[in-house]
Protein backbone atom coordinates (compact mmCIF):
# COMPACT_ATOMS: atom_id res chain seq x y z
CA MET A 1 13.39 124.80 -127.92
CA THR A 2 12.11 124.94 -124.37
CA ALA A 3 14.70 125.47 -121.68
CA PRO A 4 14.85 122.71 -119.06
CA ALA A 5 13.08 123.45 -115.79
CA SER A 6 15.27 124.56 -112.92
CA PRO A 7 15.71 121.92 -110.22
CA PRO A 8 13.81 122.64 -107.00
CA GLU A 9 15.74 124.42 -104.28
CA VAL A 10 17.23 122.08 -101.72
CA LEU A 11 16.84 123.61 -98.29
CA ARG A 12 19.62 123.16 -95.75
CA ALA A 13 20.24 124.83 -92.43
CA PRO A 14 22.41 124.31 -89.37
CA LEU A 15 20.45 122.82 -86.48
CA VAL A 16 21.56 122.70 -82.86
CA VAL A 17 19.64 120.78 -80.22
CA GLU A 18 21.10 121.61 -76.82
CA PHE A 19 19.94 121.19 -73.24
CA PRO A 20 21.37 120.53 -69.75
CA PHE A 21 20.53 117.11 -68.31
CA THR A 22 20.42 117.05 -64.49
CA ARG A 23 20.74 113.70 -62.76
CA SER A 24 20.85 112.71 -59.12
CA LEU A 25 23.23 109.89 -58.22
CA GLY A 26 22.70 106.73 -56.22
CA PRO A 27 25.35 105.42 -53.81
CA VAL A 28 27.33 103.52 -56.46
CA GLN A 29 27.59 106.30 -59.05
CA SER A 30 28.16 108.85 -56.29
CA ALA A 31 31.13 106.85 -54.99
CA PHE A 32 32.52 106.36 -58.51
CA LEU A 33 32.50 110.08 -59.39
CA SER A 34 33.63 111.14 -55.92
CA GLY A 35 36.51 108.71 -56.32
CA LEU A 36 37.51 110.15 -59.69
CA ARG A 37 37.58 113.61 -58.10
CA ASP A 38 40.03 112.19 -55.52
CA ARG A 39 42.00 110.24 -58.19
CA VAL A 40 40.67 106.86 -57.13
CA VAL A 41 38.99 104.50 -59.62
CA LEU A 42 36.27 102.27 -58.22
CA GLY A 43 34.46 99.30 -59.67
CA VAL A 44 31.67 97.12 -58.34
CA LYS A 45 31.76 93.35 -57.78
CA THR A 46 28.89 91.31 -59.24
CA SER A 47 27.35 88.08 -57.98
CA ASP A 48 29.66 85.99 -60.18
CA GLY A 49 32.78 87.74 -58.90
CA ARG A 50 33.45 90.04 -61.84
CA VAL A 51 34.53 93.62 -61.27
CA MET A 52 32.76 96.10 -63.53
CA VAL A 53 34.22 99.51 -64.38
CA PRO A 54 32.45 101.82 -64.73
CA PRO A 55 30.28 100.39 -61.96
CA VAL A 56 26.62 99.58 -62.37
CA GLU A 57 23.90 99.66 -59.74
CA TYR A 58 22.20 96.36 -60.59
CA ASP A 59 23.74 92.96 -61.22
CA PRO A 60 23.52 92.12 -64.95
CA VAL A 61 23.04 88.42 -64.11
CA THR A 62 20.60 88.48 -61.18
CA ALA A 63 19.21 92.05 -61.57
CA GLU A 64 19.75 92.52 -57.82
CA GLU A 65 21.11 95.76 -56.39
CA ILE A 66 24.88 95.62 -55.83
CA ARG A 67 27.08 97.88 -53.72
CA ASP A 68 30.31 95.93 -53.20
CA LEU A 69 32.84 98.52 -54.31
CA VAL A 70 36.49 97.72 -55.00
CA GLN A 71 39.42 99.91 -56.01
CA VAL A 72 41.10 99.17 -59.33
CA GLY A 73 44.23 100.48 -60.98
CA ALA A 74 44.84 103.68 -62.89
CA THR A 75 46.71 101.62 -65.46
CA GLY A 76 45.25 99.12 -67.88
CA THR A 77 45.24 97.43 -71.26
CA VAL A 78 43.66 98.59 -74.51
CA THR A 79 41.20 95.93 -75.71
CA THR A 80 40.09 97.70 -78.90
CA TRP A 81 40.37 101.14 -80.45
CA ALA A 82 39.38 103.45 -83.33
CA TRP A 83 41.29 106.50 -84.59
CA ASN A 84 39.61 109.89 -84.69
CA GLY A 85 41.55 112.11 -87.06
CA HIS A 86 39.12 115.04 -86.98
CA PRO A 87 38.00 115.89 -83.43
CA ARG A 88 34.67 117.66 -83.13
CA PRO A 89 34.02 120.63 -80.86
CA GLN A 90 33.83 119.78 -77.14
CA GLN A 91 35.34 116.32 -77.56
CA PRO A 92 37.88 115.44 -74.85
CA LEU A 93 40.92 116.44 -76.95
CA ASP A 94 41.24 119.06 -79.68
CA THR A 95 44.03 117.14 -81.45
CA PRO A 96 43.61 113.77 -83.25
CA PHE A 97 43.21 110.92 -80.77
CA ALA A 98 42.04 107.31 -80.43
CA TRP A 99 38.79 106.16 -78.91
CA VAL A 100 39.78 103.21 -76.72
CA LEU A 101 38.24 100.56 -74.54
CA VAL A 102 40.58 100.11 -71.57
CA ARG A 103 40.39 97.21 -69.10
CA LEU A 104 41.89 98.69 -65.97
CA ASP A 105 44.05 96.47 -63.78
CA GLY A 106 41.76 94.61 -61.42
CA ALA A 107 38.67 95.06 -63.63
CA ASP A 108 36.93 92.52 -65.85
CA THR A 109 35.15 95.00 -68.13
CA ALA A 110 36.45 97.87 -70.24
CA LEU A 111 36.00 101.63 -69.84
CA LEU A 112 35.43 103.81 -72.92
CA HIS A 113 37.61 106.90 -73.06
CA VAL A 114 40.23 108.58 -75.27
CA LEU A 115 43.94 107.94 -75.75
CA ASP A 116 46.37 110.77 -76.47
CA ALA A 117 48.71 109.33 -79.09
CA PRO A 118 50.76 110.91 -81.91
CA GLY A 119 49.07 108.85 -84.61
CA PRO A 120 47.29 105.57 -85.39
CA ASP A 121 50.61 103.77 -85.81
CA ALA A 122 51.26 104.40 -82.12
CA VAL A 123 48.08 102.59 -81.03
CA ARG A 124 47.57 98.85 -80.82
CA THR A 125 45.37 96.35 -79.04
CA GLY A 126 47.13 95.09 -75.94
CA MET A 127 49.16 98.24 -75.31
CA ARG A 128 49.55 99.43 -71.75
CA VAL A 129 48.08 102.82 -70.83
CA ARG A 130 47.52 104.92 -67.73
CA VAL A 131 45.13 107.62 -66.62
CA ARG A 132 46.09 111.25 -67.15
CA TRP A 133 44.16 113.17 -64.52
CA THR A 134 42.72 116.62 -65.12
CA GLY A 135 44.21 119.50 -63.19
CA GLU A 136 40.80 120.70 -61.95
CA PRO A 137 38.72 117.71 -60.80
CA SER A 138 34.98 118.23 -60.39
CA GLY A 139 33.53 114.77 -59.77
CA ALA A 140 32.84 113.78 -63.38
CA ILE A 141 34.12 111.27 -65.92
CA THR A 142 36.11 114.16 -67.40
CA ASP A 143 38.34 114.04 -64.29
CA ILE A 144 40.07 111.42 -66.41
CA ALA A 145 41.40 113.88 -68.98
CA CYS A 146 42.49 110.98 -71.20
CA PHE A 147 44.69 107.91 -71.23
CA GLU A 148 48.32 108.01 -72.32
CA PRO A 149 50.81 105.30 -73.30
CA CYS A 150 52.50 103.75 -70.30
CA ASP A 151 55.97 102.28 -70.03
CA PRO A 152 55.57 99.07 -67.99
CA ALA A 153 58.73 99.98 -66.07
CA ASP A 154 56.98 103.13 -64.77
CA GLU A 155 53.76 101.47 -63.65
CA ASP A 156 52.72 101.73 -60.03
CA THR A 157 49.65 100.87 -58.00
CA PRO A 158 47.77 104.11 -57.15
CA HIS A 159 48.14 105.20 -53.52
CA GLY A 160 49.90 101.91 -52.78
CA THR A 161 46.55 100.10 -52.62
CA PRO A 162 46.44 96.61 -54.18
CA HIS A 163 44.00 96.20 -57.05
CA GLY A 164 40.72 94.64 -55.97
CA THR A 165 40.84 96.03 -52.42
CA PRO A 166 37.32 96.57 -51.03
CA HIS A 167 36.32 100.21 -50.62
CA ASP A 168 33.57 101.60 -48.40
CA GLY A 169 32.62 104.26 -50.99
CA VAL A 170 32.75 107.00 -48.37
CA PHE A 171 34.25 110.33 -49.45
CA GLU A 172 34.22 113.73 -47.85
CA ASP A 173 31.77 116.09 -49.58
CA ALA A 174 30.49 113.32 -51.87
CA VAL A 175 29.21 114.11 -55.34
CA THR A 176 25.43 113.57 -55.29
CA GLY A 177 24.38 114.93 -58.69
CA ILE A 178 25.67 115.99 -62.08
CA VAL A 179 24.61 118.31 -64.87
CA ALA A 180 25.54 117.01 -68.32
CA GLU A 181 25.34 119.36 -71.29
CA ALA A 182 23.75 117.45 -74.18
CA ARG A 183 24.28 118.91 -77.67
CA LEU A 184 23.52 117.75 -81.20
CA ASP A 185 25.03 119.98 -83.89
CA TYR A 186 24.33 119.07 -87.49
CA THR A 187 23.06 120.23 -90.87
CA TYR A 188 19.40 119.48 -91.54
CA SER A 189 17.80 119.06 -94.96
CA PRO A 190 14.01 118.73 -94.80
CA GLY A 191 13.41 116.85 -98.08
CA ARG A 192 10.69 117.31 -100.69
CA ALA A 193 7.57 117.23 -98.52
CA GLN A 194 8.80 119.44 -95.70
CA THR A 195 10.42 121.86 -98.15
CA ALA A 196 6.98 122.47 -99.66
CA TYR A 197 5.57 122.87 -96.14
CA ILE A 198 8.25 125.43 -95.17
CA ASN A 199 7.86 127.36 -98.44
CA ALA A 200 4.09 127.55 -97.91
CA LEU A 201 4.61 128.93 -94.40
CA SER A 202 6.52 131.84 -95.94
CA GLU A 203 3.26 132.63 -97.78
CA ARG A 204 1.25 132.27 -94.54
CA ARG A 205 -0.28 129.02 -95.71
CA THR A 206 -0.18 125.57 -94.10
CA VAL A 207 -0.01 122.55 -96.39
CA GLY A 208 -0.03 118.85 -95.68
CA GLU A 209 -0.09 115.68 -97.76
CA ARG A 210 -2.90 113.13 -98.02
CA CYS A 211 -2.28 109.39 -97.94
CA PRO A 212 -3.86 107.81 -101.05
CA SER A 213 -4.81 104.75 -99.01
CA CYS A 214 -6.14 105.84 -95.60
CA HIS A 215 -6.78 109.46 -96.74
CA LYS A 216 -5.32 110.94 -93.57
CA VAL A 217 -3.78 114.40 -94.11
CA TYR A 218 -0.40 114.71 -92.42
CA VAL A 219 0.74 118.15 -91.19
CA PRO A 220 3.66 118.68 -91.26
CA PRO A 221 4.09 116.16 -94.09
CA ARG A 222 6.86 113.59 -94.00
CA GLY A 223 6.60 112.31 -97.57
CA ALA A 224 5.13 108.96 -96.58
CA CYS A 225 2.24 107.65 -94.51
CA PRO A 226 3.64 106.04 -91.34
CA THR A 227 0.55 103.83 -91.07
CA CYS A 228 0.30 102.56 -94.65
CA GLY A 229 3.97 102.88 -95.57
CA ILE A 230 3.31 104.46 -98.96
CA ALA A 231 4.34 107.80 -100.48
CA THR A 232 2.13 110.84 -100.03
CA THR A 233 2.11 113.22 -103.00
CA ASP A 234 -1.39 114.76 -102.91
CA ARG A 235 -0.80 118.21 -101.39
CA VAL A 236 -3.64 119.70 -99.31
CA GLU A 237 -3.94 123.16 -97.79
CA VAL A 238 -5.38 123.09 -94.27
CA GLY A 239 -6.47 125.66 -91.70
CA PRO A 240 -5.68 128.38 -91.03
CA ALA A 241 -8.00 127.96 -88.03
CA GLY A 242 -8.05 124.90 -85.86
CA THR A 243 -9.19 123.33 -82.60
CA VAL A 244 -7.31 122.79 -79.35
CA THR A 245 -7.46 119.05 -78.70
CA THR A 246 -5.34 118.97 -75.55
CA TYR A 247 -2.87 121.25 -73.82
CA CYS A 248 -0.46 121.77 -70.94
CA ILE A 249 0.35 124.77 -68.74
CA VAL A 250 4.08 125.54 -68.61
CA ASN A 251 5.27 126.91 -65.26
CA ILE A 252 9.05 126.62 -65.73
CA LYS A 253 10.82 129.31 -67.73
CA ALA A 254 13.02 127.90 -70.47
CA ARG A 255 16.48 129.27 -71.02
CA ASN A 256 16.76 131.67 -73.99
CA LEU A 257 12.97 131.76 -74.40
CA ASP A 258 11.54 135.22 -73.78
CA ILE A 259 8.05 134.17 -72.70
CA ASP A 260 6.61 134.88 -69.27
CA VAL A 261 5.29 131.92 -67.33
CA PRO A 262 2.77 130.49 -67.00
CA TYR A 263 1.87 129.94 -70.64
CA VAL A 264 0.09 127.22 -72.61
CA TYR A 265 1.32 124.81 -75.27
CA ALA A 266 -1.41 122.91 -77.05
CA HIS A 267 -2.05 120.29 -79.68
CA ILE A 268 -4.03 122.03 -82.42
CA ALA A 269 -5.94 120.16 -85.12
CA LEU A 270 -6.04 122.54 -88.07
CA ASP A 271 -9.21 122.33 -90.12
CA GLY A 272 -8.76 119.59 -92.70
CA ALA A 273 -5.74 117.98 -91.02
CA GLY A 274 -5.70 114.35 -89.94
CA LEU A 275 -3.57 114.90 -86.85
CA ALA A 276 -2.68 117.73 -84.49
CA LEU A 277 0.44 119.86 -84.44
CA HIS A 278 1.64 121.78 -81.40
CA GLY A 279 1.77 125.53 -80.83
CA ARG A 280 1.66 128.14 -78.13
CA ILE A 281 -1.67 129.72 -77.20
CA GLY A 282 -1.79 133.49 -76.64
CA GLY A 283 -4.33 136.28 -76.47
CA ILE A 284 -6.21 134.61 -73.64
CA PRO A 285 -5.46 134.01 -69.93
CA TYR A 286 -3.76 130.66 -69.47
CA ASP A 287 -6.49 129.39 -67.15
CA GLN A 288 -9.16 130.00 -69.81
CA VAL A 289 -7.60 127.71 -72.41
CA ARG A 290 -9.69 124.57 -72.88
CA MET A 291 -10.23 121.58 -75.11
CA GLY A 292 -12.36 122.49 -78.11
CA LEU A 293 -11.21 126.13 -78.16
CA ARG A 294 -11.17 127.48 -81.72
CA VAL A 295 -7.90 129.27 -82.56
CA GLU A 296 -6.10 130.94 -85.49
CA PRO A 297 -2.41 131.66 -86.17
CA VAL A 298 -0.62 134.91 -85.36
CA TRP A 299 2.34 135.10 -87.71
CA THR A 300 5.84 136.22 -86.86
CA GLU A 301 7.23 139.34 -88.46
CA GLY A 302 8.18 138.29 -91.98
CA GLY A 303 5.62 135.48 -91.91
CA ARG A 304 7.97 132.49 -91.73
CA TYR A 305 5.89 130.62 -89.14
CA PRO A 306 3.10 131.21 -86.61
CA ASP A 307 4.39 132.80 -83.42
CA HIS A 308 1.34 131.58 -81.51
CA TYR A 309 -2.38 130.86 -81.88
CA ARG A 310 -5.20 133.04 -80.50
CA PRO A 311 -8.95 132.48 -80.06
CA THR A 312 -11.06 133.10 -83.15
CA GLY A 313 -14.16 134.04 -81.16
CA GLU A 314 -16.12 131.10 -82.61
CA PRO A 315 -18.08 128.73 -80.40
CA ASP A 316 -16.06 125.81 -79.06
CA ALA A 317 -15.96 122.71 -81.25
CA ASP A 318 -17.99 119.68 -80.23
CA TYR A 319 -15.91 116.93 -78.64
CA ASP A 320 -17.02 114.42 -81.28
CA ALA A 321 -15.48 116.66 -83.97
CA TYR A 322 -11.92 116.25 -82.63
CA LYS A 323 -11.90 113.24 -80.28
CA GLU A 324 -10.07 111.09 -82.85
CA LEU A 325 -7.27 113.70 -83.04
CA ILE A 326 -6.37 113.79 -79.35
């Protein structure tokens, strides 16, 4: 009796995509964040008289620029909510909390933030809440540390200013830009087609899959042809050499990347592939890289993937041979 075949290995690995996002602020967003730093909440009045918090720069009805700022309250009403029993790293609170939409007093729209509450039974639509300010304001939405339940008897208008009072948006040392840390942290499983691709790389081979309809060879393979919408199962080995179809010169050093600038990243059409993949070009001065340059992979130690591509020494490819792959 023949033993059953072992199921194929399912590859999984943690994957983190992280980068800082730098944004300059216009007058409306600058006033809003400067106000939060000074414990003042501002909204903006639209052409139909509504007050929007957080403020927007263009009227959602007329699309015209708007700058009529008004001060609203630091107390408000929960309009809807969802309980988060398992906070993720770098969320506003490290204990269970509620995501809430809060319509601040004097505003007509709701602000998304978090509510510090002992449990879901303590949260309800219509409950009154107030801002809990952070102890170290910096001019960011996180200057609102969270919302907390508010006893109506303790409510007060911030700074004695009536809700809806116009504000000139002028603050000393105004916030003019922010840096937001974007991060995606998850477990990635590549699936059947990319698993075969990754396993082949460990053998210093590059494999793709051919569409049975249009016959294009996809590298890396995705398991289906995005043009024809049908499964790709015909595995094809391509390369190892290829042709530079287009490229860019990188002059800004990336964090945690130990490569001297300037360097070149290129789209490389491996021989036999129906589209180009990208890779770094080495072994040649950056200003000598060109379209049509013939290159080959230089593998990392251990052979898991090409570290970069270098010239093969062959004559450049004719433009007609790769023009459809640009």
